[in-house]
Amino acid sequence: MRSSFFWTQTFPAGRELAVEHRYRPSVGETTGAEVGWPQIDPEAAKRYEALYCVDKEFIAGARKAQKPDAKGEFTAPLFERRIAYVLKTGANWAGPIGNFNLTIDKGEPDSLVSFCADRVKKTGPTTFEVRYASFTPTRDLNVLILYRPPKGD
């Protein structure tokens, strides 16, 4: 399923104007055995590498989270949350984004997060921040979060 939101806006002519967007995006989710972490097949791994920039460290973290306990039993599977945000917008920006600030919150400290960005700074136990000046997006933003469901779910 995909959701799109749009609105009409009129801006005053001949003036510079600052535009700021703030919101919480909708989140897609896959749960349980459908996910396949960490036994993701090679073709899906290639898609995840391209879309979310997952790397060996991320995959190793997913595998480590799935190690068997002392009885040889695996813990509950990791679930996926996916966020997609159109940044490139068909290259119709009038110019660079003056100040681009992005904060990603993965929810829980033991969750794993991956997304494609340079100069990512960890700002808290669950938060990451990206700041760019004069930013011209070259790709859309896709965020992948792997998490354990709360006990009882």
N, C-alpha and C. Protein backbone atom coordinates (compact mmCIF):
# COMPACT_ATOMS: atom_id res chain seq x y z
N MET A 1 0.84 -1.16 0.00
CA MET A 1 0.00 0.00 0.00
C MET A 1 0.89 1.23 0.00
N ARG A 2 0.46 2.27 -0.65
CA ARG A 2 1.22 3.51 -0.73
C ARG A 2 0.26 4.66 -0.48
N SER A 3 0.70 5.64 0.29
CA SER A 3 -0.09 6.83 0.57
C SER A 3 0.63 8.05 0.04
N SER A 4 -0.13 8.97 -0.51
CA SER A 4 0.44 10.24 -0.97
C SER A 4 -0.42 11.36 -0.42
N PHE A 5 0.24 12.44 -0.04
CA PHE A 5 -0.45 13.61 0.47
C PHE A 5 0.00 14.81 -0.35
N PHE A 6 -0.93 15.69 -0.69
CA PHE A 6 -0.56 16.88 -1.42
C PHE A 6 -1.54 17.99 -1.08
N TRP A 7 -1.14 19.21 -1.33
CA TRP A 7 -1.98 20.37 -1.10
C TRP A 7 -1.54 21.49 -2.03
N THR A 8 -2.42 22.45 -2.22
CA THR A 8 -2.12 23.60 -3.05
C THR A 8 -1.69 24.75 -2.15
N GLN A 9 -0.64 25.44 -2.54
CA GLN A 9 -0.11 26.53 -1.74
C GLN A 9 0.22 27.70 -2.66
N THR A 10 -0.14 28.90 -2.25
CA THR A 10 0.21 30.09 -3.02
C THR A 10 1.27 30.87 -2.26
N PHE A 11 2.36 31.23 -2.95
CA PHE A 11 3.45 31.97 -2.33
C PHE A 11 3.49 33.38 -2.91
N PRO A 12 3.87 34.36 -2.08
CA PRO A 12 3.96 35.73 -2.59
C PRO A 12 5.07 35.86 -3.65
N ALA A 13 4.79 36.61 -4.69
CA ALA A 13 5.76 36.79 -5.77
C ALA A 13 6.85 37.77 -5.37
N GLY A 14 8.06 37.54 -5.89
CA GLY A 14 9.14 38.49 -5.72
C GLY A 14 9.76 38.54 -4.34
N ARG A 15 9.48 37.55 -3.49
CA ARG A 15 10.06 37.53 -2.14
C ARG A 15 10.69 36.17 -1.88
N GLU A 16 11.78 36.21 -1.13
CA GLU A 16 12.37 34.95 -0.68
C GLU A 16 11.51 34.43 0.46
N LEU A 17 11.33 33.14 0.52
CA LEU A 17 10.43 32.55 1.51
C LEU A 17 11.06 31.28 2.07
N ALA A 18 10.98 31.09 3.37
CA ALA A 18 11.47 29.87 4.01
C ALA A 18 10.28 28.91 4.15
N VAL A 19 10.51 27.66 3.78
CA VAL A 19 9.48 26.62 3.90
C VAL A 19 10.04 25.54 4.81
N GLU A 20 9.27 25.14 5.80
CA GLU A 20 9.70 24.10 6.74
C GLU A 20 8.63 23.03 6.81
N HIS A 21 9.04 21.75 6.72
CA HIS A 21 8.13 20.62 6.82
C HIS A 21 8.46 19.84 8.08
N ARG A 22 7.44 19.50 8.86
CA ARG A 22 7.62 18.64 10.03
C ARG A 22 6.43 17.70 10.10
N TYR A 23 6.71 16.43 10.26
CA TYR A 23 5.63 15.46 10.43
C TYR A 23 6.22 14.11 10.76
N ARG A 24 5.35 13.21 11.18
CA ARG A 24 5.74 11.83 11.42
C ARG A 24 5.23 11.02 10.24
N PRO A 25 6.13 10.36 9.52
CA PRO A 25 5.68 9.60 8.34
C PRO A 25 4.96 8.32 8.73
N SER A 26 4.18 7.80 7.81
CA SER A 26 3.55 6.50 8.04
C SER A 26 4.63 5.43 7.93
N VAL A 27 4.40 4.32 8.59
CA VAL A 27 5.42 3.27 8.66
C VAL A 27 4.83 1.97 8.14
N GLY A 28 5.54 1.34 7.19
CA GLY A 28 5.17 0.01 6.72
C GLY A 28 5.80 -1.03 7.63
N GLU A 29 5.18 -2.20 7.71
CA GLU A 29 5.70 -3.19 8.64
C GLU A 29 5.49 -4.59 8.10
N THR A 30 6.46 -5.46 8.38
CA THR A 30 6.37 -6.88 8.11
C THR A 30 6.70 -7.58 9.41
N THR A 31 5.93 -8.61 9.74
CA THR A 31 6.16 -9.27 11.02
C THR A 31 6.42 -10.75 10.85
N GLY A 32 7.06 -11.31 11.86
CA GLY A 32 7.22 -12.76 11.98
C GLY A 32 8.00 -13.41 10.87
N ALA A 33 7.58 -14.61 10.50
CA ALA A 33 8.32 -15.44 9.56
C ALA A 33 8.42 -14.83 8.17
N GLU A 34 7.56 -13.87 7.85
CA GLU A 34 7.63 -13.23 6.54
C GLU A 34 8.95 -12.49 6.35
N VAL A 35 9.56 -12.06 7.43
CA VAL A 35 10.73 -11.21 7.36
C VAL A 35 11.95 -11.97 6.86
N GLY A 36 12.25 -13.09 7.47
CA GLY A 36 13.40 -13.88 7.05
C GLY A 36 14.72 -13.42 7.63
N TRP A 37 14.75 -12.51 8.56
CA TRP A 37 16.01 -12.08 9.16
C TRP A 37 16.44 -13.10 10.17
N PRO A 38 17.70 -13.49 10.21
CA PRO A 38 18.76 -13.00 9.35
C PRO A 38 18.99 -13.86 8.12
N GLN A 39 18.15 -14.86 7.90
CA GLN A 39 18.35 -15.76 6.76
C GLN A 39 17.75 -15.17 5.49
N ILE A 40 18.11 -13.94 5.19
CA ILE A 40 17.58 -13.27 4.02
C ILE A 40 18.24 -13.85 2.77
N ASP A 41 17.44 -14.10 1.74
CA ASP A 41 18.01 -14.70 0.54
C ASP A 41 18.88 -13.68 -0.21
N PRO A 42 19.82 -14.16 -1.02
CA PRO A 42 20.78 -13.26 -1.68
C PRO A 42 20.14 -12.18 -2.55
N GLU A 43 19.06 -12.49 -3.24
CA GLU A 43 18.40 -11.48 -4.09
C GLU A 43 17.77 -10.39 -3.23
N ALA A 44 17.12 -10.77 -2.13
CA ALA A 44 16.54 -9.77 -1.23
C ALA A 44 17.65 -8.95 -0.60
N ALA A 45 18.77 -9.59 -0.27
CA ALA A 45 19.90 -8.86 0.32
C ALA A 45 20.40 -7.77 -0.63
N LYS A 46 20.46 -8.08 -1.92
CA LYS A 46 20.88 -7.08 -2.90
C LYS A 46 19.92 -5.89 -2.93
N ARG A 47 18.61 -6.18 -2.87
CA ARG A 47 17.62 -5.09 -2.85
C ARG A 47 17.78 -4.24 -1.60
N TYR A 48 18.00 -4.89 -0.45
CA TYR A 48 18.16 -4.17 0.81
C TYR A 48 19.43 -3.32 0.80
N GLU A 49 20.49 -3.85 0.21
CA GLU A 49 21.74 -3.08 0.11
C GLU A 49 21.51 -1.81 -0.71
N ALA A 50 20.79 -1.93 -1.83
CA ALA A 50 20.55 -0.78 -2.70
C ALA A 50 19.56 0.21 -2.08
N LEU A 51 18.50 -0.29 -1.48
CA LEU A 51 17.43 0.58 -0.97
C LEU A 51 17.75 1.19 0.39
N TYR A 52 18.33 0.40 1.29
CA TYR A 52 18.56 0.85 2.67
C TYR A 52 20.04 0.97 3.04
N CYS A 53 20.93 0.67 2.11
CA CYS A 53 22.38 0.69 2.37
C CYS A 53 22.77 -0.21 3.53
N VAL A 54 22.09 -1.35 3.69
CA VAL A 54 22.50 -2.29 4.74
C VAL A 54 23.91 -2.75 4.41
N ASP A 55 24.70 -2.90 5.44
CA ASP A 55 26.08 -3.32 5.25
C ASP A 55 26.35 -4.58 6.07
N LYS A 56 27.58 -5.05 6.01
CA LYS A 56 27.93 -6.29 6.72
C LYS A 56 27.71 -6.15 8.22
N GLU A 57 27.98 -4.97 8.77
CA GLU A 57 27.80 -4.74 10.20
C GLU A 57 26.31 -4.86 10.59
N PHE A 58 25.43 -4.31 9.77
CA PHE A 58 23.99 -4.39 10.03
C PHE A 58 23.52 -5.85 9.97
N ILE A 59 23.95 -6.58 8.93
CA ILE A 59 23.56 -7.98 8.79
C ILE A 59 24.13 -8.81 9.93
N ALA A 60 25.37 -8.51 10.34
CA ALA A 60 25.97 -9.22 11.48
C ALA A 60 25.16 -8.96 12.75
N GLY A 61 24.70 -7.73 12.93
CA GLY A 61 23.87 -7.40 14.10
C GLY A 61 22.56 -8.16 14.09
N ALA A 62 21.95 -8.31 12.90
CA ALA A 62 20.71 -9.08 12.79
C ALA A 62 20.97 -10.55 13.11
N ARG A 63 22.08 -11.08 12.62
CA ARG A 63 22.41 -12.48 12.90
C ARG A 63 22.71 -12.69 14.38
N LYS A 64 23.43 -11.75 14.98
CA LYS A 64 23.76 -11.85 16.40
C LYS A 64 22.48 -11.84 17.25
N ALA A 65 21.52 -11.02 16.85
CA ALA A 65 20.25 -10.95 17.59
C ALA A 65 19.47 -12.25 17.50
N GLN A 66 19.79 -13.08 16.52
CA GLN A 66 19.06 -14.33 16.32
C GLN A 66 19.82 -15.57 16.80
N LYS A 67 20.90 -15.39 17.55
CA LYS A 67 21.66 -16.54 18.05
C LYS A 67 20.78 -17.36 18.99
N PRO A 68 20.96 -18.67 18.99
CA PRO A 68 20.17 -19.51 19.89
C PRO A 68 20.57 -19.29 21.35
N ASP A 69 19.60 -19.49 22.23
CA ASP A 69 19.87 -19.36 23.66
C ASP A 69 20.57 -20.63 24.17
N ALA A 70 20.74 -20.75 25.49
CA ALA A 70 21.46 -21.88 26.09
C ALA A 70 20.80 -23.22 25.75
N LYS A 71 19.49 -23.23 25.52
CA LYS A 71 18.77 -24.45 25.18
C LYS A 71 18.82 -24.75 23.68
N GLY A 72 19.47 -23.88 22.91
CA GLY A 72 19.55 -24.08 21.47
C GLY A 72 18.33 -23.55 20.73
N GLU A 73 17.45 -22.81 21.43
CA GLU A 73 16.25 -22.27 20.80
C GLU A 73 16.50 -20.83 20.37
N PHE A 74 15.96 -20.50 19.20
CA PHE A 74 16.10 -19.13 18.71
C PHE A 74 15.06 -18.23 19.37
N THR A 75 15.44 -16.99 19.54
CA THR A 75 14.53 -16.01 20.12
C THR A 75 13.48 -15.63 19.08
N ALA A 76 12.53 -14.80 19.49
CA ALA A 76 11.49 -14.33 18.58
C ALA A 76 12.14 -13.67 17.37
N PRO A 77 11.51 -13.77 16.21
CA PRO A 77 12.10 -13.17 15.01
C PRO A 77 12.14 -11.65 15.10
N LEU A 78 13.02 -11.08 14.32
CA LEU A 78 13.06 -9.63 14.19
C LEU A 78 11.98 -9.21 13.22
N PHE A 79 11.29 -8.14 13.53
CA PHE A 79 10.27 -7.59 12.66
C PHE A 79 10.85 -6.38 11.95
N GLU A 80 10.26 -6.04 10.80
CA GLU A 80 10.72 -4.90 10.02
C GLU A 80 9.74 -3.74 10.12
N ARG A 81 10.29 -2.56 10.19
CA ARG A 81 9.54 -1.32 9.96
C ARG A 81 10.26 -0.60 8.83
N ARG A 82 9.48 -0.11 7.86
CA ARG A 82 10.06 0.56 6.70
C ARG A 82 9.41 1.92 6.52
N ILE A 83 10.24 2.91 6.29
CA ILE A 83 9.76 4.27 6.04
C ILE A 83 10.33 4.72 4.70
N ALA A 84 9.48 5.24 3.84
CA ALA A 84 9.92 5.76 2.54
C ALA A 84 9.46 7.20 2.43
N TYR A 85 10.37 8.06 2.01
CA TYR A 85 10.06 9.48 1.85
C TYR A 85 10.65 9.98 0.54
N VAL A 86 9.83 10.60 -0.28
CA VAL A 86 10.29 11.12 -1.57
C VAL A 86 11.05 12.41 -1.32
N LEU A 87 12.33 12.39 -1.61
CA LEU A 87 13.18 13.59 -1.50
C LEU A 87 13.52 14.15 -2.87
N LYS A 88 13.76 13.26 -3.80
CA LYS A 88 14.24 13.69 -5.11
C LYS A 88 13.16 14.45 -5.88
N THR A 89 11.91 14.07 -5.72
CA THR A 89 10.74 14.71 -6.34
C THR A 89 10.88 14.98 -7.82
N GLY A 90 11.45 14.04 -8.53
CA GLY A 90 11.56 14.20 -9.97
C GLY A 90 12.44 15.37 -10.37
N ALA A 91 13.36 15.75 -9.50
CA ALA A 91 14.31 16.84 -9.76
C ALA A 91 13.61 18.17 -10.03
N ASN A 92 12.49 18.43 -9.32
CA ASN A 92 11.80 19.69 -9.57
C ASN A 92 12.06 20.75 -8.50
N TRP A 93 13.11 20.56 -7.71
CA TRP A 93 13.50 21.59 -6.75
C TRP A 93 13.99 22.81 -7.54
N ALA A 94 13.66 23.99 -7.05
CA ALA A 94 14.13 25.21 -7.71
C ALA A 94 15.60 25.46 -7.42
N GLY A 95 16.11 24.82 -6.40
CA GLY A 95 17.51 24.96 -6.01
C GLY A 95 17.77 24.06 -4.82
N PRO A 96 18.94 24.15 -4.24
CA PRO A 96 19.26 23.29 -3.09
C PRO A 96 18.38 23.64 -1.88
N ILE A 97 18.19 22.64 -1.01
CA ILE A 97 17.52 22.87 0.27
C ILE A 97 18.54 23.57 1.15
N GLY A 98 18.22 24.77 1.62
CA GLY A 98 19.18 25.57 2.38
C GLY A 98 19.72 24.86 3.60
N ASN A 99 18.85 24.42 4.50
CA ASN A 99 19.25 23.68 5.70
C ASN A 99 18.38 22.44 5.80
N PHE A 100 18.99 21.29 5.56
CA PHE A 100 18.29 20.02 5.63
C PHE A 100 18.68 19.35 6.93
N ASN A 101 17.69 19.09 7.80
CA ASN A 101 17.92 18.42 9.08
C ASN A 101 17.00 17.20 9.14
N LEU A 102 17.57 16.03 9.39
CA LEU A 102 16.81 14.80 9.47
C LEU A 102 17.15 14.11 10.78
N THR A 103 16.12 13.71 11.53
CA THR A 103 16.32 12.92 12.74
C THR A 103 15.58 11.60 12.57
N ILE A 104 16.28 10.50 12.78
CA ILE A 104 15.72 9.16 12.72
C ILE A 104 15.75 8.60 14.14
N ASP A 105 14.60 8.10 14.60
CA ASP A 105 14.51 7.46 15.92
C ASP A 105 14.13 6.01 15.70
N LYS A 106 15.01 5.08 16.08
CA LYS A 106 14.77 3.66 15.84
C LYS A 106 13.87 3.03 16.91
N GLY A 107 13.45 3.80 17.90
CA GLY A 107 12.48 3.32 18.87
C GLY A 107 13.07 2.71 20.12
N GLU A 108 13.80 1.62 19.99
CA GLU A 108 14.39 0.92 21.13
C GLU A 108 15.90 0.81 20.94
N PRO A 109 16.68 0.90 22.04
CA PRO A 109 18.14 0.83 21.90
C PRO A 109 18.65 -0.44 21.24
N ASP A 110 17.95 -1.58 21.40
CA ASP A 110 18.44 -2.81 20.79
C ASP A 110 17.92 -3.04 19.37
N SER A 111 17.14 -2.10 18.85
CA SER A 111 16.70 -2.19 17.45
C SER A 111 17.86 -1.82 16.54
N LEU A 112 17.78 -2.27 15.29
CA LEU A 112 18.81 -1.96 14.29
C LEU A 112 18.19 -1.02 13.26
N VAL A 113 18.97 -0.08 12.76
CA VAL A 113 18.47 0.86 11.75
C VAL A 113 19.50 1.00 10.64
N SER A 114 18.99 1.14 9.41
CA SER A 114 19.87 1.38 8.28
C SER A 114 19.16 2.30 7.28
N PHE A 115 19.91 3.27 6.76
CA PHE A 115 19.43 4.16 5.72
C PHE A 115 20.64 4.77 5.03
N CYS A 116 20.43 5.25 3.81
CA CYS A 116 21.53 5.78 3.01
C CYS A 116 21.71 7.27 3.30
N ALA A 117 22.82 7.63 3.91
CA ALA A 117 23.14 9.03 4.18
C ALA A 117 24.61 9.14 4.56
N ASP A 118 25.18 10.30 4.30
CA ASP A 118 26.55 10.61 4.70
C ASP A 118 26.51 11.44 5.97
N ARG A 119 27.59 11.37 6.73
CA ARG A 119 27.77 12.19 7.94
C ARG A 119 26.64 12.00 8.96
N VAL A 120 26.25 10.74 9.19
CA VAL A 120 25.23 10.43 10.19
C VAL A 120 25.86 10.54 11.57
N LYS A 121 25.18 11.24 12.48
CA LYS A 121 25.67 11.41 13.84
C LYS A 121 24.67 10.79 14.81
N LYS A 122 25.17 9.93 15.69
CA LYS A 122 24.32 9.35 16.73
C LYS A 122 24.14 10.40 17.82
N THR A 123 22.90 10.78 18.10
CA THR A 123 22.63 11.85 19.06
C THR A 123 21.99 11.36 20.35
N GLY A 124 21.68 10.09 20.44
CA GLY A 124 21.09 9.52 21.65
C GLY A 124 21.05 8.01 21.52
N PRO A 125 20.52 7.32 22.53
CA PRO A 125 20.51 5.85 22.47
C PRO A 125 19.67 5.29 21.32
N THR A 126 18.72 6.07 20.80
CA THR A 126 17.87 5.60 19.70
C THR A 126 17.82 6.58 18.53
N THR A 127 18.51 7.71 18.62
CA THR A 127 18.35 8.74 17.60
C THR A 127 19.64 8.99 16.81
N PHE A 128 19.42 9.33 15.55
CA PHE A 128 20.50 9.63 14.62
C PHE A 128 20.11 10.89 13.87
N GLU A 129 21.10 11.70 13.54
CA GLU A 129 20.81 12.97 12.89
C GLU A 129 21.71 13.18 11.68
N VAL A 130 21.13 13.79 10.67
CA VAL A 130 21.85 14.17 9.46
C VAL A 130 21.55 15.64 9.22
N ARG A 131 22.59 16.44 8.98
CA ARG A 131 22.43 17.86 8.68
C ARG A 131 23.26 18.20 7.45
N TYR A 132 22.61 18.85 6.50
CA TYR A 132 23.30 19.29 5.30
C TYR A 132 22.94 20.74 5.02
N ALA A 133 23.88 21.49 4.51
CA ALA A 133 23.63 22.84 4.01
C ALA A 133 23.65 22.79 2.49
N SER A 134 22.80 23.55 1.85
CA SER A 134 22.72 23.59 0.39
C SER A 134 22.61 22.17 -0.18
N PHE A 135 21.63 21.44 0.27
CA PHE A 135 21.45 20.03 -0.06
C PHE A 135 20.57 19.86 -1.28
N THR A 136 21.09 19.13 -2.28
CA THR A 136 20.31 18.76 -3.45
C THR A 136 20.15 17.24 -3.42
N PRO A 137 18.95 16.75 -3.11
CA PRO A 137 18.74 15.30 -3.03
C PRO A 137 18.99 14.62 -4.36
N THR A 138 19.67 13.47 -4.30
CA THR A 138 19.92 12.68 -5.50
C THR A 138 19.18 11.35 -5.44
N ARG A 139 18.56 11.05 -4.29
CA ARG A 139 17.79 9.82 -4.12
C ARG A 139 16.74 10.05 -3.05
N ASP A 140 15.74 9.20 -3.04
CA ASP A 140 14.72 9.26 -2.00
C ASP A 140 15.26 8.64 -0.71
N LEU A 141 14.58 8.91 0.38
CA LEU A 141 15.00 8.38 1.69
C LEU A 141 14.21 7.12 1.99
N ASN A 142 14.91 6.05 2.32
CA ASN A 142 14.30 4.79 2.74
C ASN A 142 14.99 4.35 4.02
N VAL A 143 14.19 4.07 5.04
CA VAL A 143 14.72 3.70 6.36
C VAL A 143 14.21 2.31 6.71
N LEU A 144 15.11 1.45 7.18
CA LEU A 144 14.77 0.11 7.62
C LEU A 144 15.10 -0.01 9.10
N ILE A 145 14.13 -0.45 9.89
CA ILE A 145 14.34 -0.69 11.32
C ILE A 145 13.98 -2.14 11.60
N LEU A 146 14.90 -2.88 12.21
CA LEU A 146 14.62 -4.24 12.68
C LEU A 146 14.46 -4.17 14.19
N TYR A 147 13.39 -4.78 14.70
CA TYR A 147 13.12 -4.68 16.14
C TYR A 147 12.50 -5.99 16.63
N ARG A 148 12.58 -6.17 17.92
CA ARG A 148 11.92 -7.30 18.57
C ARG A 148 10.56 -6.82 19.05
N PRO A 149 9.54 -7.64 18.83
CA PRO A 149 8.22 -7.25 19.33
C PRO A 149 8.20 -7.28 20.85
N PRO A 150 7.38 -6.44 21.47
CA PRO A 150 7.26 -6.51 22.94
C PRO A 150 6.77 -7.90 23.35
N LYS A 151 7.22 -8.36 24.49
CA LYS A 151 6.78 -9.67 24.98
C LYS A 151 5.25 -9.69 25.10
N GLY A 152 4.66 -10.81 24.67
CA GLY A 152 3.22 -10.93 24.72
C GLY A 152 2.54 -10.57 23.42
N ASP A 153 3.28 -9.99 22.47
CA ASP A 153 2.67 -9.65 21.16
C ASP A 153 2.82 -10.80 20.20
